[in-house]
N, C-alpha and C. Protein backbone atom coordinates (compact mmCIF):
# COMPACT_ATOMS: atom_id res chain seq x y z
N MET A 1 -96.53 -42.76 -36.51
CA MET A 1 -95.48 -43.76 -36.81
C MET A 1 -95.01 -43.61 -38.26
N PRO A 2 -93.69 -43.58 -38.47
CA PRO A 2 -93.18 -43.43 -39.84
C PRO A 2 -93.51 -44.61 -40.67
N ILE A 3 -93.67 -44.32 -42.00
CA ILE A 3 -93.92 -45.35 -43.00
C ILE A 3 -92.72 -45.63 -43.79
N ILE A 4 -91.93 -44.62 -44.16
CA ILE A 4 -90.79 -44.78 -44.98
C ILE A 4 -89.65 -45.46 -44.22
N LYS A 5 -88.95 -46.34 -44.86
CA LYS A 5 -87.89 -47.14 -44.22
C LYS A 5 -86.79 -46.27 -43.55
N SER A 6 -86.36 -45.19 -44.24
CA SER A 6 -85.32 -44.30 -43.69
C SER A 6 -85.80 -43.57 -42.43
N ALA A 7 -87.08 -43.19 -42.48
CA ALA A 7 -87.67 -42.54 -41.30
C ALA A 7 -87.76 -43.43 -40.10
N LYS A 8 -88.03 -44.75 -40.36
CA LYS A 8 -88.06 -45.71 -39.25
C LYS A 8 -86.68 -45.86 -38.65
N LYS A 9 -85.67 -45.85 -39.52
CA LYS A 9 -84.32 -46.00 -39.00
C LYS A 9 -83.93 -44.76 -38.20
N ARG A 10 -84.29 -43.62 -38.67
CA ARG A 10 -83.97 -42.36 -37.95
C ARG A 10 -84.63 -42.37 -36.51
N VAL A 11 -85.80 -42.97 -36.37
CA VAL A 11 -86.46 -43.02 -35.07
C VAL A 11 -85.62 -43.92 -34.14
N LYS A 12 -85.13 -45.05 -34.68
CA LYS A 12 -84.26 -45.90 -33.85
C LYS A 12 -82.98 -45.25 -33.44
N VAL A 13 -82.29 -44.57 -34.45
CA VAL A 13 -81.02 -43.89 -34.20
C VAL A 13 -81.19 -42.80 -33.16
N ALA A 14 -82.27 -42.03 -33.34
CA ALA A 14 -82.53 -40.89 -32.43
C ALA A 14 -82.83 -41.39 -30.99
N GLY A 15 -83.46 -42.50 -30.92
CA GLY A 15 -83.73 -43.06 -29.59
C GLY A 15 -82.44 -43.49 -28.89
N LYS A 16 -81.55 -44.19 -29.65
CA LYS A 16 -80.30 -44.60 -29.06
C LYS A 16 -79.46 -43.35 -28.65
N ALA A 17 -79.44 -42.33 -29.51
CA ALA A 17 -78.66 -41.10 -29.14
C ALA A 17 -79.23 -40.41 -27.93
N ALA A 18 -80.58 -40.43 -27.86
CA ALA A 18 -81.22 -39.83 -26.67
C ALA A 18 -80.80 -40.50 -25.37
N VAL A 19 -80.67 -41.82 -25.42
CA VAL A 19 -80.25 -42.56 -24.25
C VAL A 19 -78.82 -42.27 -23.86
N ARG A 20 -77.93 -42.22 -24.90
CA ARG A 20 -76.54 -41.88 -24.70
C ARG A 20 -76.40 -40.49 -24.09
N ASN A 21 -77.12 -39.51 -24.69
CA ASN A 21 -77.07 -38.14 -24.23
C ASN A 21 -77.58 -38.00 -22.81
N SER A 22 -78.60 -38.73 -22.49
CA SER A 22 -79.17 -38.62 -21.10
C SER A 22 -78.18 -39.20 -20.08
N LYS A 23 -77.45 -40.26 -20.46
CA LYS A 23 -76.46 -40.77 -19.56
C LYS A 23 -75.35 -39.74 -19.34
N THR A 24 -74.91 -39.12 -20.37
CA THR A 24 -73.82 -38.12 -20.31
C THR A 24 -74.32 -36.94 -19.40
N LYS A 25 -75.51 -36.54 -19.61
CA LYS A 25 -76.14 -35.36 -18.83
C LYS A 25 -76.21 -35.76 -17.39
N ARG A 26 -76.62 -37.01 -17.09
CA ARG A 26 -76.80 -37.46 -15.72
C ARG A 26 -75.47 -37.50 -14.98
N SER A 27 -74.49 -38.05 -15.68
CA SER A 27 -73.14 -38.13 -15.02
C SER A 27 -72.58 -36.73 -14.85
N LEU A 28 -72.80 -35.83 -15.74
CA LEU A 28 -72.37 -34.48 -15.66
C LEU A 28 -73.01 -33.79 -14.44
N LYS A 29 -74.27 -33.92 -14.31
CA LYS A 29 -75.00 -33.27 -13.20
C LYS A 29 -74.54 -33.90 -11.84
N GLY A 30 -74.31 -35.19 -11.86
CA GLY A 30 -73.87 -35.83 -10.59
C GLY A 30 -72.46 -35.38 -10.22
N ALA A 31 -71.57 -35.19 -11.17
CA ALA A 31 -70.23 -34.75 -10.90
C ALA A 31 -70.22 -33.27 -10.36
N ILE A 32 -71.09 -32.48 -10.95
CA ILE A 32 -71.16 -31.01 -10.52
C ILE A 32 -71.80 -30.92 -9.12
N LYS A 33 -72.80 -31.79 -8.85
CA LYS A 33 -73.38 -31.79 -7.51
C LYS A 33 -72.39 -32.28 -6.46
N ALA A 34 -71.63 -33.30 -6.82
CA ALA A 34 -70.61 -33.85 -5.85
C ALA A 34 -69.51 -32.75 -5.60
N PHE A 35 -69.16 -32.02 -6.66
CA PHE A 35 -68.18 -30.97 -6.44
C PHE A 35 -68.79 -29.83 -5.59
N GLY A 36 -70.09 -29.53 -5.75
CA GLY A 36 -70.72 -28.49 -4.92
C GLY A 36 -70.75 -28.84 -3.45
N LYS A 37 -70.87 -30.13 -3.18
CA LYS A 37 -70.84 -30.58 -1.77
C LYS A 37 -69.49 -30.62 -1.15
N ALA A 38 -68.52 -31.13 -1.90
CA ALA A 38 -67.20 -31.35 -1.35
C ALA A 38 -66.26 -30.19 -1.56
N LEU A 39 -66.27 -29.53 -2.74
CA LEU A 39 -65.37 -28.43 -3.08
C LEU A 39 -63.91 -28.78 -2.87
N THR A 40 -63.51 -29.95 -3.37
CA THR A 40 -62.10 -30.33 -3.27
C THR A 40 -61.50 -30.40 -4.72
N GLY A 41 -60.20 -30.54 -4.75
CA GLY A 41 -59.48 -30.60 -6.00
C GLY A 41 -59.85 -31.84 -6.80
N LYS A 42 -60.02 -33.01 -6.08
CA LYS A 42 -60.34 -34.22 -6.77
C LYS A 42 -61.71 -34.17 -7.44
N THR A 43 -62.67 -33.63 -6.73
CA THR A 43 -64.05 -33.50 -7.32
C THR A 43 -64.04 -32.44 -8.40
N LEU A 44 -63.13 -31.42 -8.29
CA LEU A 44 -63.05 -30.42 -9.36
C LEU A 44 -62.55 -31.07 -10.64
N SER A 45 -61.51 -31.90 -10.53
CA SER A 45 -61.00 -32.55 -11.74
C SER A 45 -61.97 -33.51 -12.39
N LYS A 46 -62.77 -34.16 -11.52
CA LYS A 46 -63.82 -35.09 -11.99
C LYS A 46 -64.91 -34.31 -12.77
N ALA A 47 -65.28 -33.15 -12.16
CA ALA A 47 -66.28 -32.32 -12.80
C ALA A 47 -65.79 -31.72 -14.12
N HIS A 48 -64.51 -31.26 -14.13
CA HIS A 48 -63.94 -30.75 -15.36
C HIS A 48 -63.94 -31.88 -16.46
N SER A 49 -63.61 -33.07 -16.06
CA SER A 49 -63.55 -34.19 -16.96
C SER A 49 -64.94 -34.48 -17.59
N GLU A 50 -65.98 -34.44 -16.75
CA GLU A 50 -67.31 -34.66 -17.21
C GLU A 50 -67.79 -33.57 -18.18
N VAL A 51 -67.44 -32.34 -17.83
CA VAL A 51 -67.82 -31.18 -18.71
C VAL A 51 -67.14 -31.40 -20.05
N ASP A 52 -65.89 -31.72 -20.04
CA ASP A 52 -65.14 -31.95 -21.29
C ASP A 52 -65.75 -33.09 -22.14
N LYS A 53 -66.17 -34.19 -21.49
CA LYS A 53 -66.79 -35.27 -22.18
C LYS A 53 -68.13 -34.79 -22.81
N ALA A 54 -68.89 -34.09 -22.07
CA ALA A 54 -70.18 -33.57 -22.60
C ALA A 54 -69.98 -32.65 -23.80
N ALA A 55 -68.96 -31.85 -23.75
CA ALA A 55 -68.70 -30.98 -24.87
C ALA A 55 -68.22 -31.76 -26.06
N LYS A 56 -67.37 -32.75 -25.82
CA LYS A 56 -66.86 -33.57 -26.93
C LYS A 56 -67.99 -34.34 -27.63
N LYS A 57 -68.92 -34.80 -26.87
CA LYS A 57 -70.02 -35.62 -27.46
C LYS A 57 -71.13 -34.75 -28.07
N GLY A 58 -71.02 -33.47 -27.86
CA GLY A 58 -71.98 -32.56 -28.48
C GLY A 58 -73.23 -32.32 -27.62
N VAL A 59 -73.21 -32.80 -26.38
CA VAL A 59 -74.33 -32.60 -25.45
C VAL A 59 -74.31 -31.18 -24.98
N MET A 60 -73.16 -30.59 -24.84
CA MET A 60 -72.99 -29.21 -24.40
C MET A 60 -72.13 -28.47 -25.43
N HIS A 61 -72.45 -27.19 -25.64
CA HIS A 61 -71.66 -26.40 -26.60
C HIS A 61 -70.30 -26.13 -25.95
N LYS A 62 -69.27 -26.03 -26.80
CA LYS A 62 -67.87 -25.88 -26.30
C LYS A 62 -67.69 -24.60 -25.46
N ASN A 63 -68.38 -23.53 -25.88
CA ASN A 63 -68.26 -22.23 -25.14
C ASN A 63 -68.95 -22.35 -23.78
N LYS A 64 -70.11 -23.06 -23.72
CA LYS A 64 -70.78 -23.25 -22.45
C LYS A 64 -69.91 -24.13 -21.53
N ALA A 65 -69.26 -25.12 -22.09
CA ALA A 65 -68.37 -25.97 -21.35
C ALA A 65 -67.25 -25.17 -20.70
N ALA A 66 -66.63 -24.26 -21.52
CA ALA A 66 -65.55 -23.47 -21.03
C ALA A 66 -66.02 -22.53 -19.89
N ARG A 67 -67.24 -21.97 -20.12
CA ARG A 67 -67.80 -21.08 -19.07
C ARG A 67 -68.06 -21.90 -17.77
N LYS A 68 -68.60 -23.10 -17.91
CA LYS A 68 -68.91 -23.93 -16.69
C LYS A 68 -67.61 -24.32 -15.96
N LYS A 69 -66.56 -24.63 -16.71
CA LYS A 69 -65.32 -24.96 -16.09
C LYS A 69 -64.71 -23.76 -15.35
N SER A 70 -64.85 -22.61 -15.95
CA SER A 70 -64.39 -21.41 -15.27
C SER A 70 -65.17 -21.14 -14.01
N GLN A 71 -66.49 -21.34 -14.03
CA GLN A 71 -67.30 -21.12 -12.81
C GLN A 71 -66.91 -22.11 -11.73
N LEU A 72 -66.66 -23.38 -12.13
CA LEU A 72 -66.27 -24.37 -11.12
C LEU A 72 -64.93 -24.03 -10.52
N ALA A 73 -63.96 -23.58 -11.37
CA ALA A 73 -62.65 -23.23 -10.80
C ALA A 73 -62.74 -22.04 -9.85
N LYS A 74 -63.57 -21.09 -10.27
CA LYS A 74 -63.81 -19.90 -9.42
C LYS A 74 -64.37 -20.30 -8.00
N ALA A 75 -65.29 -21.23 -8.07
CA ALA A 75 -65.94 -21.65 -6.80
C ALA A 75 -64.92 -22.41 -5.96
N ALA A 76 -64.07 -23.23 -6.57
CA ALA A 76 -63.02 -23.94 -5.84
C ALA A 76 -62.03 -22.99 -5.18
N LYS A 77 -61.69 -21.96 -5.97
CA LYS A 77 -60.73 -20.96 -5.44
C LYS A 77 -61.30 -20.19 -4.26
N ALA A 78 -62.61 -19.86 -4.40
CA ALA A 78 -63.27 -19.12 -3.33
C ALA A 78 -63.38 -20.03 -2.08
N ALA A 79 -63.61 -21.29 -2.26
CA ALA A 79 -63.70 -22.22 -1.15
C ALA A 79 -62.41 -22.38 -0.44
N ALA A 80 -61.30 -22.30 -1.20
CA ALA A 80 -60.00 -22.48 -0.63
C ALA A 80 -59.53 -21.22 0.16
N GLY A 81 -60.30 -20.15 0.01
CA GLY A 81 -59.98 -18.95 0.79
C GLY A 81 -59.08 -18.04 0.03
N VAL A 82 -58.79 -18.28 -1.21
CA VAL A 82 -57.95 -17.44 -2.00
C VAL A 82 -58.85 -16.45 -2.70
N SER A 83 -58.71 -15.18 -2.37
CA SER A 83 -59.55 -14.18 -2.96
C SER A 83 -58.77 -13.46 -4.06
N LYS A 84 -59.51 -13.09 -5.12
CA LYS A 84 -58.84 -12.43 -6.29
C LYS A 84 -58.46 -11.02 -5.84
N LYS A 85 -59.25 -10.40 -4.93
CA LYS A 85 -59.02 -8.97 -4.51
C LYS A 85 -58.10 -8.86 -3.31
N ALA A 86 -57.30 -9.92 -3.03
CA ALA A 86 -56.38 -9.82 -1.90
C ALA A 86 -55.34 -8.79 -2.19
N ALA A 87 -54.84 -8.11 -1.18
CA ALA A 87 -53.91 -7.01 -1.36
C ALA A 87 -52.56 -7.59 -2.00
N PRO A 88 -52.27 -7.14 -3.20
CA PRO A 88 -51.03 -7.65 -3.81
C PRO A 88 -49.83 -7.04 -3.12
N ALA A 89 -48.71 -7.77 -3.11
CA ALA A 89 -47.51 -7.27 -2.53
C ALA A 89 -46.95 -6.16 -3.39
N LYS A 90 -46.45 -5.10 -2.78
CA LYS A 90 -45.89 -3.97 -3.50
C LYS A 90 -44.60 -4.33 -4.16
N LYS A 91 -44.48 -3.95 -5.39
CA LYS A 91 -43.24 -4.21 -6.12
C LYS A 91 -42.23 -3.15 -5.88
N ALA A 92 -41.01 -3.55 -5.76
CA ALA A 92 -39.93 -2.61 -5.56
C ALA A 92 -39.67 -1.89 -6.88
N VAL A 93 -39.51 -0.57 -6.77
CA VAL A 93 -39.30 0.23 -7.97
C VAL A 93 -37.79 0.20 -8.27
N VAL A 94 -37.46 -0.18 -9.42
CA VAL A 94 -36.08 -0.27 -9.84
C VAL A 94 -35.87 0.72 -10.96
N LYS A 95 -34.94 1.67 -10.71
CA LYS A 95 -34.68 2.63 -11.77
C LYS A 95 -33.65 2.09 -12.76
N LYS A 96 -33.89 2.27 -14.00
CA LYS A 96 -32.93 1.79 -15.01
C LYS A 96 -32.01 2.93 -15.37
N ALA A 97 -30.79 2.58 -15.66
CA ALA A 97 -29.81 3.56 -16.18
C ALA A 97 -30.26 4.07 -17.50
N PRO A 98 -30.06 5.41 -17.76
CA PRO A 98 -30.47 5.93 -19.06
C PRO A 98 -29.62 5.32 -20.16
N VAL A 99 -30.26 5.03 -21.24
CA VAL A 99 -29.54 4.36 -22.41
C VAL A 99 -29.22 5.44 -23.41
N LYS A 100 -27.96 5.52 -23.79
CA LYS A 100 -27.55 6.55 -24.76
C LYS A 100 -27.78 5.94 -26.14
N LYS A 101 -28.39 6.81 -26.99
CA LYS A 101 -28.61 6.39 -28.32
C LYS A 101 -27.37 6.64 -29.14
N ALA A 102 -27.08 5.69 -30.06
CA ALA A 102 -25.93 5.77 -30.89
C ALA A 102 -26.18 6.89 -31.98
N ALA A 103 -25.14 7.62 -32.33
CA ALA A 103 -25.32 8.66 -33.39
C ALA A 103 -25.56 7.97 -34.72
N PRO A 104 -26.41 8.56 -35.51
CA PRO A 104 -26.72 7.93 -36.81
C PRO A 104 -25.50 7.95 -37.68
N LYS A 105 -25.27 6.83 -38.40
CA LYS A 105 -24.15 6.72 -39.30
C LYS A 105 -24.38 7.50 -40.56
N LYS A 106 -23.34 8.05 -41.06
CA LYS A 106 -23.35 8.78 -42.32
C LYS A 106 -23.27 7.82 -43.49
N VAL A 107 -24.19 7.92 -44.37
CA VAL A 107 -24.23 7.05 -45.52
C VAL A 107 -23.83 7.88 -46.75
N ALA A 108 -22.83 7.39 -47.53
CA ALA A 108 -22.37 8.14 -48.70
C ALA A 108 -23.51 8.07 -49.73
N ALA A 109 -23.82 9.21 -50.33
CA ALA A 109 -24.84 9.26 -51.34
C ALA A 109 -24.38 8.58 -52.61
N LYS A 110 -25.29 7.80 -53.21
CA LYS A 110 -24.97 7.07 -54.44
C LYS A 110 -25.18 8.00 -55.65
N LYS A 111 -24.35 7.81 -56.60
CA LYS A 111 -24.49 8.65 -57.82
C LYS A 111 -25.68 8.02 -58.63
N PRO A 112 -26.46 8.87 -59.30
CA PRO A 112 -27.53 8.31 -60.10
C PRO A 112 -26.96 7.59 -61.33
N VAL A 113 -27.59 6.48 -61.66
CA VAL A 113 -27.12 5.65 -62.78
C VAL A 113 -27.77 6.20 -64.06
N ALA A 114 -26.93 6.39 -65.07
CA ALA A 114 -27.42 6.89 -66.31
C ALA A 114 -28.19 5.77 -67.03
N LYS A 115 -29.38 6.09 -67.59
CA LYS A 115 -30.13 5.10 -68.27
C LYS A 115 -29.68 4.94 -69.70
N LYS A 116 -29.67 3.73 -70.16
CA LYS A 116 -29.25 3.39 -71.56
C LYS A 116 -30.41 3.76 -72.51
N ALA A 117 -30.02 4.16 -73.64
CA ALA A 117 -31.03 4.51 -74.69
C ALA A 117 -31.64 3.21 -75.18
N VAL A 118 -32.94 3.23 -75.42
CA VAL A 118 -33.58 2.05 -75.90
C VAL A 118 -33.50 1.96 -77.42
N ALA A 119 -33.08 0.86 -77.92
CA ALA A 119 -32.90 0.66 -79.34
C ALA A 119 -34.27 0.50 -80.00
N LYS A 120 -34.39 1.14 -81.16
CA LYS A 120 -35.70 1.10 -81.86
C LYS A 120 -35.79 -0.15 -82.72
N LYS A 121 -36.98 -0.71 -82.76
CA LYS A 121 -37.20 -1.90 -83.57
C LYS A 121 -37.59 -1.51 -84.97
N LYS A 122 -37.08 -2.23 -85.95
CA LYS A 122 -37.42 -1.92 -87.32
C LYS A 122 -38.46 -2.81 -87.87
C-alpha cells in the first residue's frame, strides 16, 4: 500500500482508467464477435466504430486498429462473394495517333556584356 499522497492518488486514477479501458475492450470484443456471426454491412460499421474508439482512447495502437479494420473489411468482402482474384474484364486497346514534336526555336545569341573597370579607392 502506498504511503505517499501522490502515489495514493495514482492508485485511484489507475483503477478508474482500468475500468474505463476494460469497458472499451469488452464493447470492442462484442462488436467484433457480432460481426463474425452476422457478416453484414451494419455490423461491419459498428465494429469499425468500436475499433476507432479503442484507438482514440489509447486502448489499441492506431496501426493495430487500421490492420484490424482492414481484416474486418476483407472478411466482409469475402462473405459477400466478391473475390479479389476474379477475372478482370479485358480492356480495349486504343491506339493513339503519333504526336509530332515541334521543331526547336532558334534563339539569337546574346552579345557578351563588357565589364566596367573597377575604380580604385584612395
